[in-house]
Protein backbone atom coordinates (compact mmCIF):
# COMPACT_ATOMS: atom_id res chain seq x y z
CA MET A 1 -34.03 -97.13 -5.63
CA LYS A 2 -36.47 -97.57 -2.63
CA ARG A 3 -36.83 -101.39 -3.87
CA MET A 4 -33.02 -102.00 -3.72
CA ILE A 5 -32.89 -100.18 0.16
CA VAL A 6 -35.80 -102.29 1.36
CA GLY A 7 -33.86 -105.25 -0.23
CA PHE A 8 -30.84 -104.58 1.57
CA ALA A 9 -32.43 -103.96 4.86
CA LEU A 10 -34.39 -107.59 4.11
CA VAL A 11 -31.00 -108.87 3.79
CA LEU A 12 -29.60 -107.29 6.92
CA LEU A 13 -32.52 -108.38 9.08
CA CYS A 14 -33.57 -111.49 7.89
CA VAL A 15 -30.07 -113.42 6.50
CA PRO A 16 -28.44 -113.58 9.52
CA ALA A 17 -31.16 -115.11 11.73
CA LEU A 18 -31.28 -118.02 8.94
CA PHE A 19 -27.70 -118.50 9.53
CA ALA A 20 -27.67 -118.40 13.48
CA GLN A 21 -29.84 -121.51 13.14
CA MET A 22 -27.47 -123.49 11.56
CA PRO A 23 -25.59 -126.15 13.45
CA ASP A 24 -22.06 -124.86 13.56
CA ALA A 25 -20.56 -127.95 11.78
CA GLN A 26 -22.43 -126.61 8.67
CA LYS A 27 -21.25 -122.80 9.23
CA PRO A 28 -18.76 -122.26 6.35
CA ALA A 29 -15.65 -120.53 7.27
CA MET A 30 -15.75 -116.78 7.33
CA MET A 31 -14.03 -114.01 5.71
CA PRO A 32 -12.79 -111.57 7.90
CA ASP A 33 -15.10 -108.86 6.62
CA CYS A 34 -17.92 -111.14 7.05
CA ALA A 35 -17.40 -111.23 10.62
CA ALA A 36 -17.76 -107.42 11.04
CA MET A 37 -20.43 -106.93 8.96
CA MET A 38 -22.16 -109.53 11.63
CA GLN A 39 -21.00 -107.47 14.17
CA ASP A 40 -22.75 -104.44 12.51
CA HIS A 41 -25.84 -105.95 11.71
CA GLU A 42 -26.00 -107.15 15.38
CA ALA A 43 -25.44 -103.39 16.81
CA MET A 44 -28.07 -102.18 14.03
CA GLN A 45 -30.85 -104.60 15.57
CA LYS A 46 -30.26 -103.51 18.99
CA HIS A 47 -30.50 -99.82 18.00
CA MET A 48 -33.73 -100.84 16.30
CA ALA A 49 -34.88 -102.90 19.40
CA GLU A 50 -34.06 -99.42 21.26
CA MET A 51 -36.00 -97.33 19.16
CA ASP A 52 -39.14 -99.53 19.00
CA SER A 53 -38.96 -99.81 22.92
CA LYS A 54 -38.83 -95.54 22.76
CA LEU A 55 -41.83 -95.56 20.37
CA GLN A 56 -43.91 -98.02 22.29
CA GLY A 57 -43.65 -95.69 25.58
CA LEU A 58 -44.72 -92.68 23.56
CA VAL A 59 -47.34 -94.66 22.16
CA ASP A 60 -48.52 -95.93 25.38
CA ASP A 61 -48.38 -91.87 26.81
CA MET A 62 -50.44 -90.99 23.72
CA ASN A 63 -52.92 -93.73 24.31
CA LYS A 64 -53.77 -92.90 28.01
CA ALA A 65 -53.35 -89.40 27.49
CA LYS A 66 -56.92 -87.26 27.31
CA GLY A 67 -58.07 -83.96 25.95
CA SER A 68 -55.44 -81.62 23.97
CA ALA A 69 -52.64 -83.46 26.46
CA LYS A 70 -53.41 -86.34 23.91
CA ILE A 71 -52.57 -84.12 21.25
CA ASP A 72 -49.41 -83.36 22.32
CA LYS A 73 -48.73 -86.78 22.80
CA THR A 74 -49.95 -87.84 19.01
CA ALA A 75 -47.39 -85.06 18.06
CA ALA A 76 -44.68 -86.78 19.68
CA VAL A 77 -45.63 -90.03 18.27
CA ILE A 78 -45.38 -88.85 14.88
CA ASN A 79 -42.31 -86.27 15.28
CA GLU A 80 -40.27 -89.53 16.64
CA LEU A 81 -41.65 -91.73 13.75
CA VAL A 82 -40.31 -89.12 11.10
CA ALA A 83 -36.80 -88.93 12.98
CA GLN A 84 -36.61 -92.50 13.15
CA ARG A 85 -37.38 -93.23 9.19
CA SER A 86 -35.02 -90.43 8.54
CA MET A 87 -32.27 -91.74 10.30
CA MET A 88 -32.67 -95.36 9.31
CA ALA A 89 -32.93 -93.93 5.28
CA LYS A 90 -29.71 -92.41 5.93
CA GLN A 91 -28.30 -95.52 7.47
CA MET A 92 -29.10 -97.67 4.73
CA MET A 93 -27.79 -95.39 2.07
CA ASP A 94 -24.66 -95.03 4.38
CA MET A 95 -24.66 -98.93 4.37
CA GLN A 96 -25.32 -99.47 0.13
CA PRO A 97 -21.77 -98.88 -0.65
CA LYS A 98 -19.95 -101.26 2.04
CA MET A 99 -22.68 -103.84 1.05
CA MET A 100 -21.58 -103.44 -2.68
CA GLU A 101 -17.95 -103.67 -1.75
CA HIS A 102 -18.43 -107.03 0.47
CA MET A 103 -20.42 -108.52 -2.37
CA MET A 104 -17.40 -107.18 -4.71
CA GLU A 105 -14.64 -109.21 -2.24
CA HIS A 106 -16.74 -112.33 -2.40
CA MET A 107 -16.66 -111.97 -6.41
CA LYS A 108 -13.17 -111.57 -6.41
CA SER A 109 -12.18 -114.09 -4.12
CA GLY A 110 -14.11 -116.63 -6.17
CA ALA A 111 -13.37 -115.72 -9.55
CA MET A 112 -11.70 -118.79 -10.49
CA LYS A 113 -13.86 -121.33 -8.85
CA GLY A 114 -17.11 -119.19 -9.33
CA MET A 115 -19.14 -116.73 -7.62
CA ALA A 116 -21.55 -119.11 -5.94
CA ASP A 117 -19.16 -120.73 -4.09
CA SER A 118 -17.58 -117.53 -2.80
CA MET A 119 -21.04 -115.97 -1.79
CA SER A 120 -21.76 -119.33 -0.40
CA THR A 121 -19.29 -118.76 2.29
CA CYS A 122 -20.78 -115.26 3.65
CA PRO A 123 -23.50 -115.55 6.06
CA MET A 124 -25.00 -112.18 5.04
CA MET A 125 -25.39 -113.63 1.60
CA LYS A 126 -26.66 -117.17 2.47
CA SER A 127 -30.38 -117.66 2.15
CA GLU A 128 -32.38 -120.92 2.75
CA LYS A 129 -35.11 -120.19 0.69
CA ALA A 130 -36.29 -121.77 -2.60
CA PRO A 131 -35.64 -119.69 -5.67
CA VAL A 132 -38.71 -118.10 -7.15
CA PRO A 133 -39.63 -119.40 -10.72
CA PRO A 134 -39.99 -116.51 -12.97
CA ALA A 135 -43.78 -115.63 -14.19
CA ALA A 136 -45.04 -117.41 -16.72
CA GLU A 137 -44.61 -114.20 -19.03
CA HIS A 138 -41.14 -114.14 -18.63
CA GLN A 139 -40.34 -118.13 -19.61
CA ARG A 140 -39.44 -119.01 -23.12
């Protein structure tokens, strides 16, 4: 389950950056849901940057503190980390059904010409990485 969540997070964080680097002439036409997912992704990135900034402020305060104040500042950092992690895990779990539904829509729309063609038009599913060959023990 954790691997699946991490996988979704990586897709949501990395793939749009690759799509943004493509020249406009090469970008495929987006389905309406794709544009909405891209907006959600951008909002998530902005929120994560805000959380990082807040955490960095707490860490800076902790590093400057001396004596018993350092213990209080350290506790504040730990509490913020736990709160952020819990919130992000909940958001990923909430997002998973939307991502699966989105992928299913691509599969349905591409049923006649093949799933690969349908998925290739979605910037959230686009990847410029070369496929990883199977391990030797998995080859026949």
